[in-house]
Amino acid sequence: MRLAVLGSGSGGNSAVLMARETTLLIDAGLSAKQLCKRLQGIGVDPDSLDGILLSHEHSDHTRGLEVFLRKRRVPVYGNALTREYLDERMGDNVEWRIFQRSQSFQVGGITVDAFALPHDAVDPVGFVCEANGARVGFATDFGHVTTLVRERLRGVCALLVEANYDQGMLEEDTKRPWSIKQRISSRHGHLSNEQTVELVGDLLPHGLKTVVLGHLSGDCNCPELAAAVIRAALPGGRPNVHVASQDTPTGWVEIPEEEESECPLPVVMDQMNLAIG
């Protein structure tokens, strides 16, 4: 199994997960042109996708979907409320596969579990994807870490998680009105660096080895700061931390699929990311 982030931030979010013969796109918030360009840049044929998982309906996670699907037929996996919200905009280009949060579903060789996230969307979810003993979590766009989130992410080897803002930088930001700052830091907004550190620390004893930080604010956070906060709070070289960029794809993070009681440290095939360890 291997993971790459095509882009992550307020301008658009999308990631790729591959497990042997199965390739999934998680969200499609970049333009269709950028989705194709960045997929090809990491060696993935846009026409080879086996499915697209949608976490929620916000445009920074769905922007390129309708145009991307005009030239290719790829099943789109979303829950009923997300589909209902997007249906009119998407037209007839979407081959919907509706899932329920209480049930696992299969896409090729990957088993997917969806779980609720606290965010100001109609029915936002995170995902845990499993193939041959390796489990990868995806959790972006949520304002606080619930007991359910901790339980569902426990045991993942790798995690794409948001570290949206630094509390001090958000408070000092002059571009955003107070109402927007309140929305961002609310229990249904986004995670701060400190909240992300707490979640990662909780998951480390359960096999977490690699973290990719995503959805960083361009004004209220920076890659060096987000990574440094985790380094200071979780010393000792674990986990292996990367920061996804809005503008360029990451390299592949290789996650061994052997069925083991604890996931081995992944081999990271990426020189562009900020890594700690």
C-alpha atoms as a PDB file:
ATOM      1  CA  MET A   1       0.000   0.000   0.000  1.00  0.00           C
ATOM      2  CA  ARG A   2       1.195   3.530  -0.713  1.00  0.00           C
ATOM      3  CA  LEU A   3      -0.103   7.054  -0.217  1.00  0.00           C
ATOM      4  CA  ALA A   4       0.498  10.391  -1.943  1.00  0.00           C
ATOM      5  CA  VAL A   5      -1.156  13.776  -1.461  1.00  0.00           C
ATOM      6  CA  LEU A   6      -1.850  15.656  -4.698  1.00  0.00           C
ATOM      7  CA  GLY A   7      -2.509  18.898  -2.857  1.00  0.00           C
ATOM      8  CA  SER A   8      -3.908  20.015   0.479  1.00  0.00           C
ATOM      9  CA  GLY A   9      -5.029  23.368   1.805  1.00  0.00           C
ATOM     10  CA  SER A  10      -7.831  25.892   1.560  1.00  0.00           C
ATOM     11  CA  GLY A  11      -7.372  25.945  -2.231  1.00  0.00           C
ATOM     12  CA  GLY A  12      -8.174  22.265  -2.725  1.00  0.00           C
ATOM     13  CA  ASN A  13      -7.599  18.795  -1.310  1.00  0.00           C
ATOM     14  CA  SER A  14      -6.984  15.438  -2.925  1.00  0.00           C
ATOM     15  CA  ALA A  15      -4.953  12.323  -2.129  1.00  0.00           C
ATOM     16  CA  VAL A  16      -4.253   8.951  -3.740  1.00  0.00           C
ATOM     17  CA  LEU A  17      -4.110   5.546  -2.108  1.00  0.00           C
ATOM     18  CA  MET A  18      -2.854   2.478  -3.972  1.00  0.00           C
ATOM     19  CA  ALA A  19      -2.973  -1.134  -2.822  1.00  0.00           C
ATOM     20  CA  ARG A  20      -1.720  -3.618  -5.395  1.00  0.00           C
ATOM     21  CA  GLU A  21      -4.344  -3.536  -8.160  1.00  0.00           C
ATOM     22  CA  THR A  22      -6.617  -0.879  -6.612  1.00  0.00           C
ATOM     23  CA  THR A  23      -6.226   2.910  -6.871  1.00  0.00           C
ATOM     24  CA  LEU A  24      -8.455   5.318  -4.928  1.00  0.00           C
ATOM     25  CA  LEU A  25      -8.727   9.087  -5.091  1.00  0.00           C
ATOM     26  CA  ILE A  26      -9.746  10.628  -1.776  1.00  0.00           C
ATOM     27  CA  ASP A  27     -11.564  13.894  -2.515  1.00  0.00           C
ATOM     28  CA  ALA A  28     -11.296  15.929  -5.718  1.00  0.00           C
ATOM     29  CA  GLY A  29     -10.923  19.517  -4.585  1.00  0.00           C
ATOM     30  CA  LEU A  30      -8.379  20.542  -7.231  1.00  0.00           C
ATOM     31  CA  SER A  31      -9.413  21.509 -10.741  1.00  0.00           C
ATOM     32  CA  ALA A  32      -9.829  18.639 -13.179  1.00  0.00           C
ATOM     33  CA  LYS A  33      -6.776  19.874 -15.070  1.00  0.00           C
ATOM     34  CA  GLN A  34      -4.660  19.842 -11.913  1.00  0.00           C
ATOM     35  CA  LEU A  35      -5.996  16.466 -10.829  1.00  0.00           C
ATOM     36  CA  CYS A  36      -4.905  14.944 -14.134  1.00  0.00           C
ATOM     37  CA  LYS A  37      -1.564  16.757 -14.188  1.00  0.00           C
ATOM     38  CA  ARG A  38      -0.645  15.796 -10.645  1.00  0.00           C
ATOM     39  CA  LEU A  39      -1.810  12.209 -11.006  1.00  0.00           C
ATOM     40  CA  GLN A  40       0.351  11.828 -14.080  1.00  0.00           C
ATOM     41  CA  GLY A  41       3.214  13.522 -12.237  1.00  0.00           C
ATOM     42  CA  ILE A  42       3.284  10.722  -9.659  1.00  0.00           C
ATOM     43  CA  GLY A  43       2.848   8.007 -12.293  1.00  0.00           C
ATOM     44  CA  VAL A  44      -0.902   7.401 -12.047  1.00  0.00           C
ATOM     45  CA  ASP A  45      -3.082   7.296 -15.153  1.00  0.00           C
ATOM     46  CA  PRO A  46      -6.233   9.351 -14.400  1.00  0.00           C
ATOM     47  CA  ASP A  47      -8.246   6.754 -16.301  1.00  0.00           C
ATOM     48  CA  SER A  48      -7.034   3.957 -14.026  1.00  0.00           C
ATOM     49  CA  LEU A  49      -8.877   5.008 -10.859  1.00  0.00           C
ATOM     50  CA  ASP A  50     -11.115   2.378  -9.264  1.00  0.00           C
ATOM     51  CA  GLY A  51     -13.076   4.834  -7.157  1.00  0.00           C
ATOM     52  CA  ILE A  52     -13.293   8.315  -5.642  1.00  0.00           C
ATOM     53  CA  LEU A  53     -14.086   8.711  -1.940  1.00  0.00           C
ATOM     54  CA  LEU A  54     -15.761  11.964  -0.888  1.00  0.00           C
ATOM     55  CA  SER A  55     -15.364  13.142   2.693  1.00  0.00           C
ATOM     56  CA  HIS A  56     -17.907  15.973   2.369  1.00  0.00           C
ATOM     57  CA  GLU A  57     -19.428  18.432  -0.075  1.00  0.00           C
ATOM     58  CA  HIS A  58     -17.329  21.578   0.428  1.00  0.00           C
ATOM     59  CA  SER A  59     -15.818  22.928  -2.784  1.00  0.00           C
ATOM     60  CA  ASP A  60     -12.214  22.515  -1.640  1.00  0.00           C
ATOM     61  CA  HIS A  61     -12.904  18.762  -1.640  1.00  0.00           C
ATOM     62  CA  THR A  62     -15.174  18.463  -4.704  1.00  0.00           C
ATOM     63  CA  ARG A  63     -14.243  21.350  -7.043  1.00  0.00           C
ATOM     64  CA  GLY A  64     -12.842  19.269  -9.904  1.00  0.00           C
ATOM     65  CA  LEU A  65     -15.169  16.294  -9.688  1.00  0.00           C
ATOM     66  CA  GLU A  66     -17.805  17.150 -12.294  1.00  0.00           C
ATOM     67  CA  VAL A  67     -15.348  18.120 -15.043  1.00  0.00           C
ATOM     68  CA  PHE A  68     -13.010  15.233 -14.205  1.00  0.00           C
ATOM     69  CA  LEU A  69     -15.875  12.766 -14.672  1.00  0.00           C
ATOM     70  CA  ARG A  70     -16.956  14.121 -18.065  1.00  0.00           C
ATOM     71  CA  LYS A  71     -14.232  12.087 -19.780  1.00  0.00           C
ATOM     72  CA  ARG A  72     -14.139   9.021 -17.532  1.00  0.00           C
ATOM     73  CA  ARG A  73     -16.520   6.774 -15.662  1.00  0.00           C
ATOM     74  CA  VAL A  74     -15.266   6.321 -12.120  1.00  0.00           C
ATOM     75  CA  PRO A  75     -17.561   5.276  -9.245  1.00  0.00           C
ATOM     76  CA  VAL A  76     -17.941   7.978  -6.600  1.00  0.00           C
ATOM     77  CA  TYR A  77     -18.412   6.840  -3.012  1.00  0.00           C
ATOM     78  CA  GLY A  78     -20.324   9.257  -0.797  1.00  0.00           C
ATOM     79  CA  ASN A  79     -23.025   9.184   1.825  1.00  0.00           C
ATOM     80  CA  ALA A  80     -26.646  10.031   1.070  1.00  0.00           C
ATOM     81  CA  LEU A  81     -26.616  13.616   2.349  1.00  0.00           C
ATOM     82  CA  THR A  82     -23.433  14.469   0.480  1.00  0.00           C
ATOM     83  CA  ARG A  83     -24.927  13.074  -2.724  1.00  0.00           C
ATOM     84  CA  GLU A  84     -28.158  14.988  -2.166  1.00  0.00           C
ATOM     85  CA  TYR A  85     -26.254  18.244  -1.787  1.00  0.00           C
ATOM     86  CA  LEU A  86     -24.078  17.668  -4.870  1.00  0.00           C
ATOM     87  CA  ASP A  87     -26.603  15.989  -7.181  1.00  0.00           C
ATOM     88  CA  GLU A  88     -27.907  19.096  -8.911  1.00  0.00           C
ATOM     89  CA  ARG A  89     -24.407  20.447  -9.572  1.00  0.00           C
ATOM     90  CA  MET A  90     -23.025  17.123 -10.731  1.00  0.00           C
ATOM     91  CA  GLY A  91     -25.784  16.237 -13.190  1.00  0.00           C
ATOM     92  CA  ASP A  92     -25.617  12.808 -14.793  1.00  0.00           C
ATOM     93  CA  ASN A  93     -21.832  12.512 -14.760  1.00  0.00           C
ATOM     94  CA  VAL A  94     -21.624  10.719 -11.413  1.00  0.00           C
ATOM     95  CA  GLU A  95     -21.936   6.985 -10.891  1.00  0.00           C
ATOM     96  CA  TRP A  96     -22.832   7.147  -7.213  1.00  0.00           C
ATOM     97  CA  ARG A  97     -22.114   4.388  -4.707  1.00  0.00           C
ATOM     98  CA  ILE A  98     -23.779   5.295  -1.411  1.00  0.00           C
ATOM     99  CA  PHE A  99     -22.257   4.116   1.848  1.00  0.00           C
ATOM    100  CA  GLN A 100     -23.422   4.264   5.441  1.00  0.00           C
ATOM    101  CA  ARG A 101     -21.133   5.167   8.296  1.00  0.00           C
ATOM    102  CA  SER A 102     -22.126   2.039  10.198  1.00  0.00           C
ATOM    103  CA  GLN A 103     -20.980  -0.346   7.464  1.00  0.00           C
ATOM    104  CA  SER A 104     -17.680  -1.234   5.789  1.00  0.00           C
ATOM    105  CA  PHE A 105     -17.539  -1.354   2.015  1.00  0.00           C
ATOM    106  CA  GLN A 106     -15.122  -2.790  -0.495  1.00  0.00           C
ATOM    107  CA  VAL A 107     -13.447  -1.033  -3.412  1.00  0.00           C
ATOM    108  CA  GLY A 108     -11.322  -3.588  -5.231  1.00  0.00           C
ATOM    109  CA  GLY A 109      -8.736  -4.849  -2.789  1.00  0.00           C
ATOM    110  CA  ILE A 110      -9.315  -2.073  -0.235  1.00  0.00           C
ATOM    111  CA  THR A 111     -11.789  -2.228   2.651  1.00  0.00           C
ATOM    112  CA  VAL A 112     -13.112   1.198   3.629  1.00  0.00           C
ATOM    113  CA  ASP A 113     -14.683   2.301   6.916  1.00  0.00           C
ATOM    114  CA  ALA A 114     -16.224   5.768   7.154  1.00  0.00           C
ATOM    115  CA  PHE A 115     -16.785   7.567  10.455  1.00  0.00           C
ATOM    116  CA  ALA A 116     -18.350  10.867  11.464  1.00  0.00           C
ATOM    117  CA  LEU A 117     -16.266  14.022  11.845  1.00  0.00           C
ATOM    118  CA  PRO A 118     -17.443  17.200  13.619  1.00  0.00           C
ATOM    119  CA  HIS A 119     -17.394  19.830  10.867  1.00  0.00           C
ATOM    120  CA  ASP A 120     -19.853  22.365   9.443  1.00  0.00           C
ATOM    121  CA  ALA A 121     -20.851  20.231   6.457  1.00  0.00           C
ATOM    122  CA  VAL A 122     -23.999  18.176   5.827  1.00  0.00           C
ATOM    123  CA  ASP A 123     -22.520  14.797   6.832  1.00  0.00           C
ATOM    124  CA  PRO A 124     -18.687  14.920   6.904  1.00  0.00           C
ATOM    125  CA  VAL A 125     -16.692  11.729   7.346  1.00  0.00           C
ATOM    126  CA  GLY A 126     -13.172  10.432   7.715  1.00  0.00           C
ATOM    127  CA  PHE A 127     -11.948   7.124   6.331  1.00  0.00           C
ATOM    128  CA  VAL A 128      -9.873   4.166   7.398  1.00  0.00           C
ATOM    129  CA  CYS A 129      -8.679   2.101   4.441  1.00  0.00           C
ATOM    130  CA  GLU A 130      -7.255  -1.385   4.946  1.00  0.00           C
ATOM    131  CA  ALA A 131      -5.485  -3.809   2.636  1.00  0.00           C
ATOM    132  CA  ASN A 132      -3.564  -6.918   3.657  1.00  0.00           C
ATOM    133  CA  GLY A 133      -3.075  -5.859   7.265  1.00  0.00           C
ATOM    134  CA  ALA A 134      -2.073  -2.227   6.659  1.00  0.00           C
ATOM    135  CA  ARG A 135      -4.491   0.502   7.766  1.00  0.00           C
ATOM    136  CA  VAL A 136      -4.358   4.142   6.642  1.00  0.00           C
ATOM    137  CA  GLY A 137      -6.507   6.904   8.117  1.00  0.00           C
ATOM    138  CA  PHE A 138      -7.832  10.072   6.471  1.00  0.00           C
ATOM    139  CA  ALA A 139      -9.236  12.792   8.724  1.00  0.00           C
ATOM    140  CA  THR A 140      -9.313  16.416   7.594  1.00  0.00           C
ATOM    141  CA  ASP A 141     -11.809  19.206   8.268  1.00  0.00           C
ATOM    142  CA  PHE A 142     -12.904  18.667  11.854  1.00  0.00           C
ATOM    143  CA  GLY A 143     -12.986  20.996  14.803  1.00  0.00           C
ATOM    144  CA  HIS A 144     -12.294  18.702  17.724  1.00  0.00           C
ATOM    145  CA  VAL A 145     -11.230  15.123  18.372  1.00  0.00           C
ATOM    146  CA  THR A 146     -14.150  13.018  19.531  1.00  0.00           C
ATOM    147  CA  THR A 147     -13.996   9.661  21.271  1.00  0.00           C
ATOM    148  CA  LEU A 148     -15.304   8.108  18.056  1.00  0.00           C
ATOM    149  CA  VAL A 149     -12.489   9.639  16.002  1.00  0.00           C
ATOM    150  CA  ARG A 150      -9.877   8.239  18.400  1.00  0.00           C
ATOM    151  CA  GLU A 151     -11.474   4.813  18.394  1.00  0.00           C
ATOM    152  CA  ARG A 152     -11.775   4.578  14.618  1.00  0.00           C
ATOM    153  CA  LEU A 153      -8.203   5.766  13.991  1.00  0.00           C
ATOM    154  CA  ARG A 154      -6.669   3.505  16.609  1.00  0.00           C
ATOM    155  CA  GLY A 155      -4.401   0.980  14.893  1.00  0.00           C
ATOM    156  CA  VAL A 156      -3.683   2.921  11.698  1.00  0.00           C
ATOM    157  CA  CYS A 157      -0.091   2.718  10.449  1.00  0.00           C
ATOM    158  CA  ALA A 158      -0.285   6.004   8.552  1.00  0.00           C
ATOM    159  CA  LEU A 159      -2.532   9.028   8.906  1.00  0.00           C
ATOM    160  CA  LEU A 160      -3.359  12.037   6.754  1.00  0.00           C
ATOM    161  CA  VAL A 161      -4.671  14.564   9.262  1.00  0.00           C
ATOM    162  CA  GLU A 162      -5.203  18.292   9.242  1.00  0.00           C
ATOM    163  CA  ALA A 163      -3.141  20.775  11.225  1.00  0.00           C
ATOM    164  CA  ASN A 164      -4.987  23.819  10.015  1.00  0.00           C
ATOM    165  CA  TYR A 165      -3.845  26.711  12.173  1.00  0.00           C
ATOM    166  CA  ASP A 166      -1.566  27.973  14.895  1.00  0.00           C
ATOM    167  CA  GLN A 167      -3.642  29.557  17.655  1.00  0.00           C
ATOM    168  CA  GLY A 168      -1.398  32.603  18.016  1.00  0.00           C
ATOM    169  CA  MET A 169      -1.215  33.257  14.284  1.00  0.00           C
ATOM    170  CA  LEU A 170      -4.993  32.938  13.970  1.00  0.00           C
ATOM    171  CA  GLU A 171      -5.591  35.433  16.770  1.00  0.00           C
ATOM    172  CA  GLU A 172      -3.154  37.915  15.230  1.00  0.00           C
ATOM    173  CA  ASP A 173      -4.421  37.528  11.650  1.00  0.00           C
ATOM    174  CA  THR A 174      -5.711  40.833  10.257  1.00  0.00           C
ATOM    175  CA  LYS A 175      -7.307  39.453   7.083  1.00  0.00           C
ATOM    176  CA  ARG A 176     -10.130  37.537   8.740  1.00  0.00           C
ATOM    177  CA  PRO A 177     -13.054  39.043  10.655  1.00  0.00           C
ATOM    178  CA  TRP A 178     -13.672  37.782  14.172  1.00  0.00           C
ATOM    179  CA  SER A 179     -16.673  35.718  13.015  1.00  0.00           C
ATOM    180  CA  ILE A 180     -14.476  33.713  10.618  1.00  0.00           C
ATOM    181  CA  LYS A 181     -11.851  33.188  13.303  1.00  0.00           C
ATOM    182  CA  GLN A 182     -14.564  31.862  15.584  1.00  0.00           C
ATOM    183  CA  ARG A 183     -15.789  29.514  12.867  1.00  0.00           C
ATOM    184  CA  ILE A 184     -12.277  28.150  12.242  1.00  0.00           C
ATOM    185  CA  SER A 185     -11.528  27.501  15.908  1.00  0.00           C
ATOM    186  CA  SER A 186     -15.005  26.220  16.799  1.00  0.00           C
ATOM    187  CA  ARG A 187     -15.804  22.607  17.633  1.00  0.00           C
ATOM    188  CA  HIS A 188     -17.092  22.188  14.060  1.00  0.00           C
ATOM    189  CA  GLY A 189     -14.292  24.100  12.341  1.00  0.00           C
ATOM    190  CA  HIS A 190     -10.689  22.955  12.022  1.00  0.00           C
ATOM    191  CA  LEU A 191      -7.918  21.463  14.150  1.00  0.00           C
ATOM    192  CA  SER A 192      -5.082  23.541  15.556  1.00  0.00           C
ATOM    193  CA  ASN A 193      -1.501  22.290  15.652  1.00  0.00           C
ATOM    194  CA  GLU A 194      -1.875  21.529  19.354  1.00  0.00           C
ATOM    195  CA  GLN A 195      -5.065  19.496  18.849  1.00  0.00           C
ATOM    196  CA  THR A 196      -3.364  17.499  16.119  1.00  0.00           C
ATOM    197  CA  VAL A 197      -0.416  16.778  18.396  1.00  0.00           C
ATOM    198  CA  GLU A 198      -2.771  15.448  21.057  1.00  0.00           C
ATOM    199  CA  LEU A 199      -4.481  13.105  18.596  1.00  0.00           C
ATOM    200  CA  VAL A 200      -1.194  11.833  17.167  1.00  0.00           C
ATOM    201  CA  GLY A 201       0.144  11.238  20.660  1.00  0.00           C
ATOM    202  CA  ASP A 202      -2.918   9.169  21.524  1.00  0.00           C
ATOM    203  CA  LEU A 203      -2.446   6.997  18.419  1.00  0.00           C
ATOM    204  CA  LEU A 204       1.282   6.346  18.714  1.00  0.00           C
ATOM    205  CA  PRO A 205       0.958   3.466  21.215  1.00  0.00           C
ATOM    206  CA  HIS A 206      -1.432   1.734  18.808  1.00  0.00           C
ATOM    207  CA  GLY A 207       0.904   1.434  15.832  1.00  0.00           C
ATOM    208  CA  LEU A 208       0.949   4.858  14.170  1.00  0.00           C
ATOM    209  CA  LYS A 209       4.280   5.313  12.387  1.00  0.00           C
ATOM    210  CA  THR A 210       3.745   7.965   9.693  1.00  0.00           C
ATOM    211  CA  VAL A 211       1.782  11.223   9.778  1.00  0.00           C
ATOM    212  CA  VAL A 212       1.100  13.526   6.837  1.00  0.00           C
ATOM    213  CA  LEU A 213      -0.087  16.949   7.974  1.00  0.00           C
ATOM    214  CA  GLY A 214      -2.569  18.540   5.595  1.00  0.00           C
ATOM    215  CA  HIS A 215      -5.004  21.405   5.138  1.00  0.00           C
ATOM    216  CA  LEU A 216      -2.566  23.977   6.548  1.00  0.00           C
ATOM    217  CA  SER A 217      -3.790  27.555   6.435  1.00  0.00           C
ATOM    218  CA  GLY A 218      -1.650  29.702   4.170  1.00  0.00           C
ATOM    219  CA  ASP A 219      -1.978  32.666   6.539  1.00  0.00           C
ATOM    220  CA  CYS A 220      -2.321  31.121   9.992  1.00  0.00           C
ATOM    221  CA  ASN A 221       0.185  28.274   9.866  1.00  0.00           C
ATOM    222  CA  CYS A 222       3.361  27.214   8.094  1.00  0.00           C
ATOM    223  CA  PRO A 223       4.955  23.794   7.422  1.00  0.00           C
ATOM    224  CA  GLU A 224       8.002  24.400   9.595  1.00  0.00           C
ATOM    225  CA  LEU A 225       5.919  25.477  12.562  1.00  0.00           C
ATOM    226  CA  ALA A 226       3.399  22.641  12.309  1.00  0.00           C
ATOM    227  CA  ALA A 227       6.170  20.042  12.114  1.00  0.00           C
ATOM    228  CA  ALA A 228       8.165  21.688  14.916  1.00  0.00           C
ATOM    229  CA  VAL A 229       5.192  21.566  17.278  1.00  0.00           C
ATOM    230  CA  ILE A 230       4.920  17.814  16.808  1.00  0.00           C
ATOM    231  CA  ARG A 231       8.685  17.381  17.127  1.00  0.00           C
ATOM    232  CA  ALA A 232       8.708  19.246  20.420  1.00  0.00           C
ATOM    233  CA  ALA A 233       5.730  17.399  21.869  1.00  0.00           C
ATOM    234  CA  LEU A 234       6.594  13.914  20.579  1.00  0.00           C
ATOM    235  CA  PRO A 235      10.391  13.530  20.718  1.00  0.00           C
ATOM    236  CA  GLY A 236      12.303  10.362  19.915  1.00  0.00           C
ATOM    237  CA  GLY A 237      12.000  10.145  16.138  1.00  0.00           C
ATOM    238  CA  ARG A 238       8.447   8.795  16.045  1.00  0.00           C
ATOM    239  CA  PRO A 239       6.259   9.315  14.194  1.00  0.00           C
ATOM    240  CA  ASN A 240       7.745  10.086  10.795  1.00  0.00           C
ATOM    241  CA  VAL A 241       6.121  13.429   9.905  1.00  0.00           C
ATOM    242  CA  HIS A 242       5.523  15.005   6.492  1.00  0.00           C
ATOM    243  CA  VAL A 243       3.741  18.188   5.532  1.00  0.00           C
ATOM    244  CA  ALA A 244       1.599  18.209   2.408  1.00  0.00           C
ATOM    245  CA  SER A 245       1.728  21.212   0.094  1.00  0.00           C
ATOM    246  CA  GLN A 246      -1.069  23.067  -1.621  1.00  0.00           C
ATOM    247  CA  ASP A 247       0.952  23.542  -4.780  1.00  0.00           C
ATOM    248  CA  THR A 248       2.828  20.292  -5.431  1.00  0.00           C
ATOM    249  CA  PRO A 249       2.194  16.593  -4.841  1.00  0.00           C
ATOM    250  CA  THR A 250       4.109  14.713  -2.214  1.00  0.00           C
ATOM    251  CA  GLY A 251       6.167  11.698  -3.147  1.00  0.00           C
ATOM    252  CA  TRP A 252       4.884   8.237  -2.340  1.00  0.00           C
ATOM    253  CA  VAL A 253       4.844   6.976   1.220  1.00  0.00           C
ATOM    254  CA  GLU A 254       5.283   3.201   1.074  1.00  0.00           C
ATOM    255  CA  ILE A 255       3.337   1.303   3.734  1.00  0.00           C
ATOM    256  CA  PRO A 256       4.138  -2.434   3.988  1.00  0.00           C
ATOM    257  CA  GLU A 257       1.070  -4.654   3.832  1.00  0.00           C
ATOM    258  CA  GLU A 258       2.314  -7.561   5.929  1.00  0.00           C
ATOM    259  CA  GLU A 259      -0.163  -8.679   8.525  1.00  0.00           C
ATOM    260  CA  GLU A 260       1.705  -7.916  11.729  1.00  0.00           C
ATOM    261  CA  SER A 261       0.696  -6.968  15.235  1.00  0.00           C
ATOM    262  CA  GLU A 262       2.428  -3.621  14.781  1.00  0.00           C
ATOM    263  CA  CYS A 263       2.995  -1.842  11.507  1.00  0.00           C
ATOM    264  CA  PRO A 264       6.675  -1.487  10.561  1.00  0.00           C
ATOM    265  CA  LEU A 265       8.073   1.960   9.851  1.00  0.00           C
ATOM    266  CA  PRO A 266       7.171   2.828   6.238  1.00  0.00           C
ATOM    267  CA  VAL A 267       9.806   3.570   3.631  1.00  0.00           C
ATOM    268  CA  VAL A 268       9.269   7.143   2.443  1.00  0.00           C
ATOM    269  CA  MET A 269      10.116   7.728  -1.186  1.00  0.00           C
ATOM    270  CA  ASP A 270       9.983  11.507  -1.057  1.00  0.00           C
ATOM    271  CA  GLN A 271      12.638  14.183  -0.909  1.00  0.00           C
ATOM    272  CA  MET A 272      10.293  17.161  -1.251  1.00  0.00           C
ATOM    273  CA  ASN A 273       8.530  16.921   2.119  1.00  0.00           C
ATOM    274  CA  LEU A 274       9.652  18.197   5.466  1.00  0.00           C
ATOM    275  CA  ALA A 275      10.445  15.055   7.448  1.00  0.00           C
ATOM    276  CA  ILE A 276      11.258  14.523  11.075  1.00  0.00           C
ATOM    277  CA  GLY A 277      12.902  11.440  12.448  1.00  0.00           C
END
